[in-house]
Structure formats: structure tokens, C-alpha cells
Amino acid sequence: MNRVFLSLVLVIALTGCSRPDNFAECIVEDMQGVQNQQVFGAIYKSCRTKFPKALSEIEKGSGRGLFSYKNREECVVDNAKDTTFPRAAMSVAVACACLYDEPKWQGQKCS
């Protein structure tokens, strides 16, 4: 019984059941597949309400880690390939750059 429980906990942890911790993660997660201005605006406003400082409080490259994307391009392909509204796709690209580009100096912010 303990093995089943531990396996379930591990699967949940690895699938990333957490909510976004910052504006860039919110954009990447919620902009996928956006096809029009109305949905884009609603998602952007929702993310901005949750994270009022937007990109300015995020350290560049802070999304990098053991189980993350290696670079911006991987993030964009995975998260914006079905996003047909250009501003939504661009927002995903900017958020991916914030999260996965190498910072030029330690502590560099995204904005």
C-alpha cells in the first residue's frame, strides 16, 4: 500500500500540479491555444491581476532547472504551437525568454 501511495505522490510531483508562481509562468500556462483578442485580453488581465509587477519582479533564467526546458525555443514550440493569435504567441515567447534565457549577470530581472 505504501508503494502505491509513494508512486502516486511522485507522479503528481513530476507532472507539475502547482499553479504559476509568477507572471511569466501564468502567461506560458494560460496563453496556449489562444485564437482571438478577447481571450488574449482576459488572460493577460487575469495574469496581471495575480502578478501586478508582471516581468519586473522575475529573475531572468529563473525557470531553468533539472526538469525544465533547456532554452526559450523549446518552451515556445511546446507552448505556442497551437496559438494562432499573434499577440498571444508573442507573449508566450517573451515569457519563455524571461524564464529560460541565460541572464547576463546574477540577479538580472526580465524587464
PDB file of N, CA and C in Angstrom:
ATOM      1  N   MET A   1       0.813  -1.191   0.000  1.00  0.00           N
ATOM      2  CA  MET A   1       0.000   0.000   0.000  1.00  0.00           C
ATOM      3  C   MET A   1       0.862   1.263   0.000  1.00  0.00           C
ATOM      4  N   ASN A   2       1.944   1.280   0.755  1.00  0.00           N
ATOM      5  CA  ASN A   2       2.829   2.435   0.798  1.00  0.00           C
ATOM      6  C   ASN A   2       3.477   2.698  -0.546  1.00  0.00           C
ATOM      7  N   ARG A   3       3.801   1.653  -1.290  1.00  0.00           N
ATOM      8  CA  ARG A   3       4.410   1.826  -2.619  1.00  0.00           C
ATOM      9  C   ARG A   3       3.458   2.533  -3.567  1.00  0.00           C
ATOM     10  N   VAL A   4       2.206   2.160  -3.537  1.00  0.00           N
ATOM     11  CA  VAL A   4       1.201   2.790  -4.393  1.00  0.00           C
ATOM     12  C   VAL A   4       1.066   4.270  -4.038  1.00  0.00           C
ATOM     13  N   PHE A   5       1.006   4.569  -2.775  1.00  0.00           N
ATOM     14  CA  PHE A   5       0.892   5.959  -2.325  1.00  0.00           C
ATOM     15  C   PHE A   5       2.108   6.774  -2.745  1.00  0.00           C
ATOM     16  N   LEU A   6       3.296   6.227  -2.521  1.00  0.00           N
ATOM     17  CA  LEU A   6       4.513   6.934  -2.909  1.00  0.00           C
ATOM     18  C   LEU A   6       4.583   7.130  -4.410  1.00  0.00           C
ATOM     19  N   SER A   7       4.176   6.154  -5.176  1.00  0.00           N
ATOM     20  CA  SER A   7       4.162   6.276  -6.637  1.00  0.00           C
ATOM     21  C   SER A   7       3.214   7.383  -7.073  1.00  0.00           C
ATOM     22  N   LEU A   8       2.053   7.437  -6.454  1.00  0.00           N
ATOM     23  CA  LEU A   8       1.080   8.474  -6.778  1.00  0.00           C
ATOM     24  C   LEU A   8       1.617   9.860  -6.446  1.00  0.00           C
ATOM     25  N   VAL A   9       2.238  10.003  -5.304  1.00  0.00           N
ATOM     26  CA  VAL A   9       2.826  11.287  -4.905  1.00  0.00           C
ATOM     27  C   VAL A   9       3.920  11.704  -5.892  1.00  0.00           C
ATOM     28  N   LEU A  10       4.742  10.764  -6.300  1.00  0.00           N
ATOM     29  CA  LEU A  10       5.814  11.055  -7.255  1.00  0.00           C
ATOM     30  C   LEU A  10       5.246  11.496  -8.598  1.00  0.00           C
ATOM     31  N   VAL A  11       4.232  10.828  -9.087  1.00  0.00           N
ATOM     32  CA  VAL A  11       3.609  11.206 -10.360  1.00  0.00           C
ATOM     33  C   VAL A  11       3.026  12.609 -10.271  1.00  0.00           C
ATOM     34  N   ILE A  12       2.346  12.906  -9.193  1.00  0.00           N
ATOM     35  CA  ILE A  12       1.761  14.237  -9.017  1.00  0.00           C
ATOM     36  C   ILE A  12       2.854  15.300  -8.963  1.00  0.00           C
ATOM     37  N   ALA A  13       3.918  15.028  -8.248  1.00  0.00           N
ATOM     38  CA  ALA A  13       5.015  16.000  -8.134  1.00  0.00           C
ATOM     39  C   ALA A  13       5.685  16.244  -9.475  1.00  0.00           C
ATOM     40  N   LEU A  14       5.881  15.217 -10.265  1.00  0.00           N
ATOM     41  CA  LEU A  14       6.579  15.353 -11.545  1.00  0.00           C
ATOM     42  C   LEU A  14       5.711  15.956 -12.638  1.00  0.00           C
ATOM     43  N   THR A  15       4.404  15.886 -12.500  1.00  0.00           N
ATOM     44  CA  THR A  15       3.536  16.451 -13.529  1.00  0.00           C
ATOM     45  C   THR A  15       3.253  17.923 -13.312  1.00  0.00           C
ATOM     46  N   GLY A  16       3.754  18.489 -12.241  1.00  0.00           N
ATOM     47  CA  GLY A  16       3.635  19.933 -12.037  1.00  0.00           C
ATOM     48  C   GLY A  16       2.227  20.406 -11.765  1.00  0.00           C
ATOM     49  N   CYS A  17       1.611  19.903 -10.739  1.00  0.00           N
ATOM     50  CA  CYS A  17       0.238  20.270 -10.401  1.00  0.00           C
ATOM     51  C   CYS A  17       0.146  21.625  -9.703  1.00  0.00           C
ATOM     52  N   SER A  18       1.203  22.347  -9.646  1.00  0.00           N
ATOM     53  CA  SER A  18       1.183  23.639  -8.961  1.00  0.00           C
ATOM     54  C   SER A  18       0.680  24.733  -9.892  1.00  0.00           C
ATOM     55  N   ARG A  19       0.196  25.784  -9.302  1.00  0.00           N
ATOM     56  CA  ARG A  19      -0.218  26.965 -10.047  1.00  0.00           C
ATOM     57  C   ARG A  19       1.010  27.807 -10.352  1.00  0.00           C
ATOM     58  N   PRO A  20       0.900  28.719 -11.291  1.00  0.00           N
ATOM     59  CA  PRO A  20       2.053  29.554 -11.613  1.00  0.00           C
ATOM     60  C   PRO A  20       2.512  30.388 -10.417  1.00  0.00           C
ATOM     61  N   ASP A  21       3.826  30.547 -10.323  1.00  0.00           N
ATOM     62  CA  ASP A  21       4.416  31.325  -9.233  1.00  0.00           C
ATOM     63  C   ASP A  21       4.708  32.764  -9.630  1.00  0.00           C
ATOM     64  N   ASN A  22       4.592  33.084 -10.923  1.00  0.00           N
ATOM     65  CA  ASN A  22       4.895  34.433 -11.378  1.00  0.00           C
ATOM     66  C   ASN A  22       4.165  34.723 -12.692  1.00  0.00           C
ATOM     67  N   PHE A  23       4.264  35.955 -13.147  1.00  0.00           N
ATOM     68  CA  PHE A  23       3.565  36.409 -14.346  1.00  0.00           C
ATOM     69  C   PHE A  23       3.956  35.599 -15.581  1.00  0.00           C
ATOM     70  N   ALA A  24       5.241  35.333 -15.769  1.00  0.00           N
ATOM     71  CA  ALA A  24       5.695  34.606 -16.964  1.00  0.00           C
ATOM     72  C   ALA A  24       5.122  33.193 -16.997  1.00  0.00           C
ATOM     73  N   GLU A  25       5.136  32.520 -15.860  1.00  0.00           N
ATOM     74  CA  GLU A  25       4.566  31.167 -15.806  1.00  0.00           C
ATOM     75  C   GLU A  25       3.065  31.203 -16.082  1.00  0.00           C
ATOM     76  N   CYS A  26       2.385  32.206 -15.589  1.00  0.00           N
ATOM     77  CA  CYS A  26       0.951  32.369 -15.836  1.00  0.00           C
ATOM     78  C   CYS A  26       0.682  32.524 -17.332  1.00  0.00           C
ATOM     79  N   ILE A  27       1.453  33.370 -17.998  1.00  0.00           N
ATOM     80  CA  ILE A  27       1.294  33.579 -19.440  1.00  0.00           C
ATOM     81  C   ILE A  27       1.567  32.290 -20.206  1.00  0.00           C
ATOM     82  N   VAL A  28       2.665  31.617 -19.904  1.00  0.00           N
ATOM     83  CA  VAL A  28       3.018  30.388 -20.610  1.00  0.00           C
ATOM     84  C   VAL A  28       1.914  29.349 -20.446  1.00  0.00           C
ATOM     85  N   GLU A  29       1.422  29.175 -19.248  1.00  0.00           N
ATOM     86  CA  GLU A  29       0.405  28.153 -18.988  1.00  0.00           C
ATOM     87  C   GLU A  29      -0.952  28.497 -19.589  1.00  0.00           C
ATOM     88  N   ASP A  30      -1.355  29.761 -19.492  1.00  0.00           N
ATOM     89  CA  ASP A  30      -2.725  30.107 -19.859  1.00  0.00           C
ATOM     90  C   ASP A  30      -2.911  30.594 -21.298  1.00  0.00           C
ATOM     91  N   MET A  31      -1.864  31.023 -21.984  1.00  0.00           N
ATOM     92  CA  MET A  31      -1.996  31.542 -23.347  1.00  0.00           C
ATOM     93  C   MET A  31      -1.989  30.447 -24.421  1.00  0.00           C
ATOM     94  N   GLN A  32      -1.748  29.233 -24.034  1.00  0.00           N
ATOM     95  CA  GLN A  32      -1.690  28.151 -25.023  1.00  0.00           C
ATOM     96  C   GLN A  32      -3.007  28.045 -25.786  1.00  0.00           C
ATOM     97  N   GLY A  33      -2.918  28.068 -27.106  1.00  0.00           N
ATOM     98  CA  GLY A  33      -4.086  27.879 -27.955  1.00  0.00           C
ATOM     99  C   GLY A  33      -4.975  29.095 -28.151  1.00  0.00           C
ATOM    100  N   VAL A  34      -4.575  30.260 -27.661  1.00  0.00           N
ATOM    101  CA  VAL A  34      -5.411  31.460 -27.790  1.00  0.00           C
ATOM    102  C   VAL A  34      -5.551  31.842 -29.268  1.00  0.00           C
ATOM    103  N   GLN A  35      -6.792  32.153 -29.665  1.00  0.00           N
ATOM    104  CA  GLN A  35      -7.078  32.423 -31.075  1.00  0.00           C
ATOM    105  C   GLN A  35      -7.652  33.803 -31.350  1.00  0.00           C
ATOM    106  N   ASN A  36      -7.912  34.606 -30.304  1.00  0.00           N
ATOM    107  CA  ASN A  36      -8.506  35.915 -30.579  1.00  0.00           C
ATOM    108  C   ASN A  36      -8.167  36.934 -29.500  1.00  0.00           C
ATOM    109  N   GLN A  37      -8.461  38.186 -29.809  1.00  0.00           N
ATOM    110  CA  GLN A  37      -8.152  39.329 -28.940  1.00  0.00           C
ATOM    111  C   GLN A  37      -8.877  39.246 -27.600  1.00  0.00           C
ATOM    112  N   GLN A  38     -10.140  38.826 -27.609  1.00  0.00           N
ATOM    113  CA  GLN A  38     -10.920  38.809 -26.380  1.00  0.00           C
ATOM    114  C   GLN A  38     -10.323  37.848 -25.355  1.00  0.00           C
ATOM    115  N   VAL A  39      -9.964  36.654 -25.781  1.00  0.00           N
ATOM    116  CA  VAL A  39      -9.384  35.675 -24.868  1.00  0.00           C
ATOM    117  C   VAL A  39      -7.992  36.134 -24.430  1.00  0.00           C
ATOM    118  N   PHE A  40      -7.219  36.656 -25.376  1.00  0.00           N
ATOM    119  CA  PHE A  40      -5.894  37.183 -25.040  1.00  0.00           C
ATOM    120  C   PHE A  40      -6.007  38.234 -23.938  1.00  0.00           C
ATOM    121  N   GLY A  41      -6.916  39.195 -24.132  1.00  0.00           N
ATOM    122  CA  GLY A  41      -7.086  40.277 -23.158  1.00  0.00           C
ATOM    123  C   GLY A  41      -7.508  39.778 -21.791  1.00  0.00           C
ATOM    124  N   ALA A  42      -8.408  38.814 -21.767  1.00  0.00           N
ATOM    125  CA  ALA A  42      -8.883  38.273 -20.492  1.00  0.00           C
ATOM    126  C   ALA A  42      -7.765  37.547 -19.750  1.00  0.00           C
ATOM    127  N   ILE A  43      -6.987  36.757 -20.460  1.00  0.00           N
ATOM    128  CA  ILE A  43      -5.882  36.024 -19.826  1.00  0.00           C
ATOM    129  C   ILE A  43      -4.806  36.994 -19.357  1.00  0.00           C
ATOM    130  N   TYR A  44      -4.452  37.955 -20.203  1.00  0.00           N
ATOM    131  CA  TYR A  44      -3.418  38.925 -19.831  1.00  0.00           C
ATOM    132  C   TYR A  44      -3.845  39.687 -18.567  1.00  0.00           C
ATOM    133  N   LYS A  45      -5.103  40.133 -18.536  1.00  0.00           N
ATOM    134  CA  LYS A  45      -5.610  40.869 -17.377  1.00  0.00           C
ATOM    135  C   LYS A  45      -5.601  39.990 -16.129  1.00  0.00           C
ATOM    136  N   SER A  46      -5.999  38.734 -16.271  1.00  0.00           N
ATOM    137  CA  SER A  46      -6.013  37.815 -15.142  1.00  0.00           C
ATOM    138  C   SER A  46      -4.604  37.599 -14.582  1.00  0.00           C
ATOM    139  N   CYS A  47      -3.642  37.372 -15.459  1.00  0.00           N
ATOM    140  CA  CYS A  47      -2.251  37.181 -15.010  1.00  0.00           C
ATOM    141  C   CYS A  47      -1.718  38.455 -14.374  1.00  0.00           C
ATOM    142  N   ARG A  48      -2.063  39.597 -14.942  1.00  0.00           N
ATOM    143  CA  ARG A  48      -1.584  40.882 -14.408  1.00  0.00           C
ATOM    144  C   ARG A  48      -2.215  41.174 -13.049  1.00  0.00           C
ATOM    145  N   THR A  49      -3.454  40.753 -12.855  1.00  0.00           N
ATOM    146  CA  THR A  49      -4.118  40.927 -11.561  1.00  0.00           C
ATOM    147  C   THR A  49      -3.436  40.070 -10.497  1.00  0.00           C
ATOM    148  N   LYS A  50      -3.088  38.841 -10.860  1.00  0.00           N
ATOM    149  CA  LYS A  50      -2.423  37.941  -9.906  1.00  0.00           C
ATOM    150  C   LYS A  50      -0.994  38.386  -9.618  1.00  0.00           C
ATOM    151  N   PHE A  51      -0.339  38.941 -10.636  1.00  0.00           N
ATOM    152  CA  PHE A  51       1.076  39.338 -10.527  1.00  0.00           C
ATOM    153  C   PHE A  51       1.234  40.764 -11.066  1.00  0.00           C
ATOM    154  N   PRO A  52       0.871  41.786 -10.281  1.00  0.00           N
ATOM    155  CA  PRO A  52       0.837  43.175 -10.751  1.00  0.00           C
ATOM    156  C   PRO A  52       2.169  43.726 -11.265  1.00  0.00           C
ATOM    157  N   LYS A  53       3.273  43.198 -10.776  1.00  0.00           N
ATOM    158  CA  LYS A  53       4.570  43.715 -11.230  1.00  0.00           C
ATOM    159  C   LYS A  53       5.031  43.057 -12.522  1.00  0.00           C
ATOM    160  N   ALA A  54       4.227  42.145 -13.053  1.00  0.00           N
ATOM    161  CA  ALA A  54       4.496  41.463 -14.328  1.00  0.00           C
ATOM    162  C   ALA A  54       5.905  40.865 -14.364  1.00  0.00           C
ATOM    163  N   LEU A  55       6.678  41.209 -15.381  1.00  0.00           N
ATOM    164  CA  LEU A  55       8.015  40.626 -15.549  1.00  0.00           C
ATOM    165  C   LEU A  55       9.083  41.281 -14.680  1.00  0.00           C
ATOM    166  N   SER A  56       8.806  42.463 -14.163  1.00  0.00           N
ATOM    167  CA  SER A  56       9.838  43.229 -13.456  1.00  0.00           C
ATOM    168  C   SER A  56      10.329  42.582 -12.167  1.00  0.00           C
ATOM    169  N   GLU A  57       9.567  41.659 -11.603  1.00  0.00           N
ATOM    170  CA  GLU A  57       9.987  41.019 -10.359  1.00  0.00           C
ATOM    171  C   GLU A  57      10.624  39.637 -10.576  1.00  0.00           C
ATOM    172  N   ILE A  58      10.736  39.208 -11.830  1.00  0.00           N
ATOM    173  CA  ILE A  58      11.235  37.862 -12.128  1.00  0.00           C
ATOM    174  C   ILE A  58      12.705  37.924 -12.533  1.00  0.00           C
ATOM    175  N   GLU A  59      13.509  37.053 -11.944  1.00  0.00           N
ATOM    176  CA  GLU A  59      14.908  36.962 -12.360  1.00  0.00           C
ATOM    177  C   GLU A  59      15.001  36.193 -13.662  1.00  0.00           C
ATOM    178  N   LYS A  60      15.739  36.749 -14.606  1.00  0.00           N
ATOM    179  CA  LYS A  60      15.924  36.102 -15.906  1.00  0.00           C
ATOM    180  C   LYS A  60      16.550  34.725 -15.702  1.00  0.00           C
ATOM    181  N   GLY A  61      15.991  33.727 -16.390  1.00  0.00           N
ATOM    182  CA  GLY A  61      16.511  32.370 -16.290  1.00  0.00           C
ATOM    183  C   GLY A  61      16.018  31.597 -15.086  1.00  0.00           C
ATOM    184  N   SER A  62      15.079  32.166 -14.334  1.00  0.00           N
ATOM    185  CA  SER A  62      14.639  31.523 -13.098  1.00  0.00           C
ATOM    186  C   SER A  62      13.841  30.239 -13.324  1.00  0.00           C
ATOM    187  N   GLY A  63      13.418  29.987 -14.541  1.00  0.00           N
ATOM    188  CA  GLY A  63      12.695  28.755 -14.836  1.00  0.00           C
ATOM    189  C   GLY A  63      13.599  27.568 -15.111  1.00  0.00           C
ATOM    190  N   ARG A  64      14.899  27.850 -15.275  1.00  0.00           N
ATOM    191  CA  ARG A  64      15.841  26.782 -15.585  1.00  0.00           C
ATOM    192  C   ARG A  64      16.008  25.856 -14.393  1.00  0.00           C
ATOM    193  N   GLY A  65      16.118  24.578 -14.692  1.00  0.00           N
ATOM    194  CA  GLY A  65      16.298  23.605 -13.635  1.00  0.00           C
ATOM    195  C   GLY A  65      16.419  22.213 -14.221  1.00  0.00           C
ATOM    196  N   LEU A  66      16.484  21.240 -13.365  1.00  0.00           N
ATOM    197  CA  LEU A  66      16.706  19.865 -13.767  1.00  0.00           C
ATOM    198  C   LEU A  66      15.631  19.346 -14.709  1.00  0.00           C
ATOM    199  N   PHE A  67      14.371  19.642 -14.437  1.00  0.00           N
ATOM    200  CA  PHE A  67      13.275  19.121 -15.246  1.00  0.00           C
ATOM    201  C   PHE A  67      12.608  20.212 -16.084  1.00  0.00           C
ATOM    202  N   SER A  68      13.339  21.235 -16.475  1.00  0.00           N
ATOM    203  CA  SER A  68      12.750  22.344 -17.225  1.00  0.00           C
ATOM    204  C   SER A  68      13.226  22.324 -18.678  1.00  0.00           C
ATOM    205  N   TYR A  69      12.744  23.309 -19.433  1.00  0.00           N
ATOM    206  CA  TYR A  69      13.212  23.468 -20.805  1.00  0.00           C
ATOM    207  C   TYR A  69      14.671  23.883 -20.790  1.00  0.00           C
ATOM    208  N   LYS A  70      15.388  23.517 -21.839  1.00  0.00           N
ATOM    209  CA  LYS A  70      16.802  23.892 -21.941  1.00  0.00           C
ATOM    210  C   LYS A  70      16.971  25.329 -22.417  1.00  0.00           C
ATOM    211  N   ASN A  71      15.979  25.820 -23.179  1.00  0.00           N
ATOM    212  CA  ASN A  71      16.090  27.167 -23.732  1.00  0.00           C
ATOM    213  C   ASN A  71      14.704  27.713 -24.103  1.00  0.00           C
ATOM    214  N   ARG A  72      14.698  28.950 -24.521  1.00  0.00           N
ATOM    215  CA  ARG A  72      13.466  29.646 -24.907  1.00  0.00           C
ATOM    216  C   ARG A  72      12.745  28.933 -26.050  1.00  0.00           C
ATOM    217  N   GLU A  73      13.487  28.477 -27.031  1.00  0.00           N
ATOM    218  CA  GLU A  73      12.887  27.873 -28.207  1.00  0.00           C
ATOM    219  C   GLU A  73      12.057  26.631 -27.863  1.00  0.00           C
ATOM    220  N   GLU A  74      12.593  25.775 -26.997  1.00  0.00           N
ATOM    221  CA  GLU A  74      11.838  24.584 -26.585  1.00  0.00           C
ATOM    222  C   GLU A  74      10.524  24.986 -25.923  1.00  0.00           C
ATOM    223  N   CYS A  75      10.584  25.982 -25.079  1.00  0.00           N
ATOM    224  CA  CYS A  75       9.401  26.473 -24.376  1.00  0.00           C
ATOM    225  C   CYS A  75       8.362  27.016 -25.367  1.00  0.00           C
ATOM    226  N   VAL A  76       8.821  27.824 -26.327  1.00  0.00           N
ATOM    227  CA  VAL A  76       7.907  28.427 -27.298  1.00  0.00           C
ATOM    228  C   VAL A  76       7.246  27.346 -28.158  1.00  0.00           C
ATOM    229  N   VAL A  77       8.034  26.424 -28.666  1.00  0.00           N
ATOM    230  CA  VAL A  77       7.472  25.362 -29.513  1.00  0.00           C
ATOM    231  C   VAL A  77       6.433  24.558 -28.744  1.00  0.00           C
ATOM    232  N   ASP A  78       6.748  24.210 -27.532  1.00  0.00           N
ATOM    233  CA  ASP A  78       5.849  23.374 -26.736  1.00  0.00           C
ATOM    234  C   ASP A  78       4.580  24.112 -26.316  1.00  0.00           C
ATOM    235  N   ASN A  79       4.673  25.408 -26.090  1.00  0.00           N
ATOM    236  CA  ASN A  79       3.550  26.144 -25.507  1.00  0.00           C
ATOM    237  C   ASN A  79       2.817  27.091 -26.446  1.00  0.00           C
ATOM    238  N   ALA A  80       3.364  27.391 -27.616  1.00  0.00           N
ATOM    239  CA  ALA A  80       2.701  28.342 -28.515  1.00  0.00           C
ATOM    240  C   ALA A  80       2.403  27.766 -29.893  1.00  0.00           C
ATOM    241  N   LYS A  81       2.666  26.484 -30.101  1.00  0.00           N
ATOM    242  CA  LYS A  81       2.483  25.927 -31.451  1.00  0.00           C
ATOM    243  C   LYS A  81       1.029  25.962 -31.921  1.00  0.00           C
ATOM    244  N   ASP A  82       0.069  25.934 -31.020  1.00  0.00           N
ATOM    245  CA  ASP A  82      -1.336  25.983 -31.397  1.00  0.00           C
ATOM    246  C   ASP A  82      -1.968  27.344 -31.129  1.00  0.00           C
ATOM    247  N   THR A  83      -1.155  28.336 -30.831  1.00  0.00           N
ATOM    248  CA  THR A  83      -1.644  29.680 -30.523  1.00  0.00           C
ATOM    249  C   THR A  83      -1.642  30.502 -31.803  1.00  0.00           C
ATOM    250  N   THR A  84      -2.834  30.780 -32.332  1.00  0.00           N
ATOM    251  CA  THR A  84      -2.926  31.448 -33.632  1.00  0.00           C
ATOM    252  C   THR A  84      -3.016  32.972 -33.536  1.00  0.00           C
ATOM    253  N   PHE A  85      -3.348  33.497 -32.377  1.00  0.00           N
ATOM    254  CA  PHE A  85      -3.410  34.957 -32.232  1.00  0.00           C
ATOM    255  C   PHE A  85      -1.990  35.473 -32.008  1.00  0.00           C
ATOM    256  N   PRO A  86      -1.481  36.319 -32.920  1.00  0.00           N
ATOM    257  CA  PRO A  86      -0.077  36.734 -32.868  1.00  0.00           C
ATOM    258  C   PRO A  86       0.365  37.352 -31.538  1.00  0.00           C
ATOM    259  N   ARG A  87      -0.446  38.201 -30.930  1.00  0.00           N
ATOM    260  CA  ARG A  87      -0.037  38.827 -29.661  1.00  0.00           C
ATOM    261  C   ARG A  87       0.083  37.797 -28.545  1.00  0.00           C
ATOM    262  N   ALA A  88      -0.749  36.776 -28.571  1.00  0.00           N
ATOM    263  CA  ALA A  88      -0.670  35.716 -27.567  1.00  0.00           C
ATOM    264  C   ALA A  88       0.609  34.907 -27.757  1.00  0.00           C
ATOM    265  N   ALA A  89       0.903  34.553 -29.005  1.00  0.00           N
ATOM    266  CA  ALA A  89       2.128  33.798 -29.290  1.00  0.00           C
ATOM    267  C   ALA A  89       3.364  34.612 -28.907  1.00  0.00           C
ATOM    268  N   MET A  90       3.350  35.910 -29.167  1.00  0.00           N
ATOM    269  CA  MET A  90       4.473  36.776 -28.796  1.00  0.00           C
ATOM    270  C   MET A  90       4.600  36.869 -27.278  1.00  0.00           C
ATOM    271  N   SER A  91       3.498  36.926 -26.573  1.00  0.00           N
ATOM    272  CA  SER A  91       3.533  36.968 -25.106  1.00  0.00           C
ATOM    273  C   SER A  91       4.160  35.698 -24.544  1.00  0.00           C
ATOM    274  N   VAL A  92       3.837  34.555 -25.136  1.00  0.00           N
ATOM    275  CA  VAL A  92       4.446  33.292 -24.713  1.00  0.00           C
ATOM    276  C   VAL A  92       5.949  33.329 -24.977  1.00  0.00           C
ATOM    277  N   ALA A  93       6.347  33.833 -26.142  1.00  0.00           N
ATOM    278  CA  ALA A  93       7.772  33.906 -26.481  1.00  0.00           C
ATOM    279  C   ALA A  93       8.529  34.806 -25.499  1.00  0.00           C
ATOM    280  N   VAL A  94       7.952  35.940 -25.144  1.00  0.00           N
ATOM    281  CA  VAL A  94       8.592  36.852 -24.189  1.00  0.00           C
ATOM    282  C   VAL A  94       8.697  36.193 -22.811  1.00  0.00           C
ATOM    283  N   ALA A  95       7.629  35.523 -22.393  1.00  0.00           N
ATOM    284  CA  ALA A  95       7.642  34.846 -21.092  1.00  0.00           C
ATOM    285  C   ALA A  95       8.671  33.714 -21.074  1.00  0.00           C
ATOM    286  N   CYS A  96       8.759  32.960 -22.167  1.00  0.00           N
ATOM    287  CA  CYS A  96       9.749  31.876 -22.265  1.00  0.00           C
ATOM    288  C   CYS A  96      11.171  32.428 -22.216  1.00  0.00           C
ATOM    289  N   ALA A  97      11.398  33.562 -22.881  1.00  0.00           N
ATOM    290  CA  ALA A  97      12.721  34.200 -22.835  1.00  0.00           C
ATOM    291  C   ALA A  97      13.059  34.601 -21.408  1.00  0.00           C
ATOM    292  N   CYS A  98      12.089  35.144 -20.711  1.00  0.00           N
ATOM    293  CA  CYS A  98      12.297  35.539 -19.313  1.00  0.00           C
ATOM    294  C   CYS A  98      12.692  34.331 -18.472  1.00  0.00           C
ATOM    295  N   LEU A  99      11.968  33.252 -18.620  1.00  0.00           N
ATOM    296  CA  LEU A  99      12.181  32.077 -17.772  1.00  0.00           C
ATOM    297  C   LEU A  99      13.403  31.244 -18.142  1.00  0.00           C
ATOM    298  N   TYR A 100      13.758  31.188 -19.435  1.00  0.00           N
ATOM    299  CA  TYR A 100      14.765  30.205 -19.859  1.00  0.00           C
ATOM    300  C   TYR A 100      16.012  30.761 -20.529  1.00  0.00           C
ATOM    301  N   ASP A 101      16.062  32.048 -20.853  1.00  0.00           N
ATOM    302  CA  ASP A 101      17.308  32.630 -21.372  1.00  0.00           C
ATOM    303  C   ASP A 101      18.332  32.756 -20.257  1.00  0.00           C
ATOM    304  N   GLU A 102      19.598  32.647 -20.613  1.00  0.00           N
ATOM    305  CA  GLU A 102      20.688  32.851 -19.646  1.00  0.00           C
ATOM    306  C   GLU A 102      20.738  34.323 -19.249  1.00  0.00           C
ATOM    307  N   PRO A 103      20.799  34.610 -17.964  1.00  0.00           N
ATOM    308  CA  PRO A 103      20.963  36.011 -17.559  1.00  0.00           C
ATOM    309  C   PRO A 103      22.382  36.480 -17.885  1.00  0.00           C
ATOM    310  N   LYS A 104      22.516  37.774 -18.158  1.00  0.00           N
ATOM    311  CA  LYS A 104      23.846  38.341 -18.429  1.00  0.00           C
ATOM    312  C   LYS A 104      24.619  38.560 -17.137  1.00  0.00           C
ATOM    313  N   TRP A 105      23.911  38.743 -16.020  1.00  0.00           N
ATOM    314  CA  TRP A 105      24.543  38.873 -14.720  1.00  0.00           C
ATOM    315  C   TRP A 105      23.607  38.272 -13.677  1.00  0.00           C
ATOM    316  N   GLN A 106      24.166  37.897 -12.570  1.00  0.00           N
ATOM    317  CA  GLN A 106      23.389  37.294 -11.491  1.00  0.00           C
ATOM    318  C   GLN A 106      22.394  38.312 -10.952  1.00  0.00           C
ATOM    319  N   GLY A 107      21.149  37.914 -10.847  1.00  0.00           N
ATOM    320  CA  GLY A 107      20.123  38.790 -10.334  1.00  0.00           C
ATOM    321  C   GLY A 107      19.454  39.655 -11.378  1.00  0.00           C
ATOM    322  N   GLN A 108      19.796  39.487 -12.658  1.00  0.00           N
ATOM    323  CA  GLN A 108      19.192  40.280 -13.723  1.00  0.00           C
ATOM    324  C   GLN A 108      17.681  40.018 -13.766  1.00  0.00           C
ATOM    325  N   LYS A 109      16.895  41.069 -13.847  1.00  0.00           N
ATOM    326  CA  LYS A 109      15.454  40.964 -13.941  1.00  0.00           C
ATOM    327  C   LYS A 109      15.039  40.892 -15.414  1.00  0.00           C
ATOM    328  N   CYS A 110      13.835  40.411 -15.651  1.00  0.00           N
ATOM    329  CA  CYS A 110      13.362  40.207 -17.034  1.00  0.00           C
ATOM    330  C   CYS A 110      13.008  41.489 -17.759  1.00  0.00           C
ATOM    331  N   SER A 111      12.534  42.506 -17.056  1.00  0.00           N
ATOM    332  CA  SER A 111      12.083  43.708 -17.753  1.00  0.00           C
ATOM    333  C   SER A 111      13.224  44.645 -18.073  1.00  0.00           C
TER     334      SER A 111
END
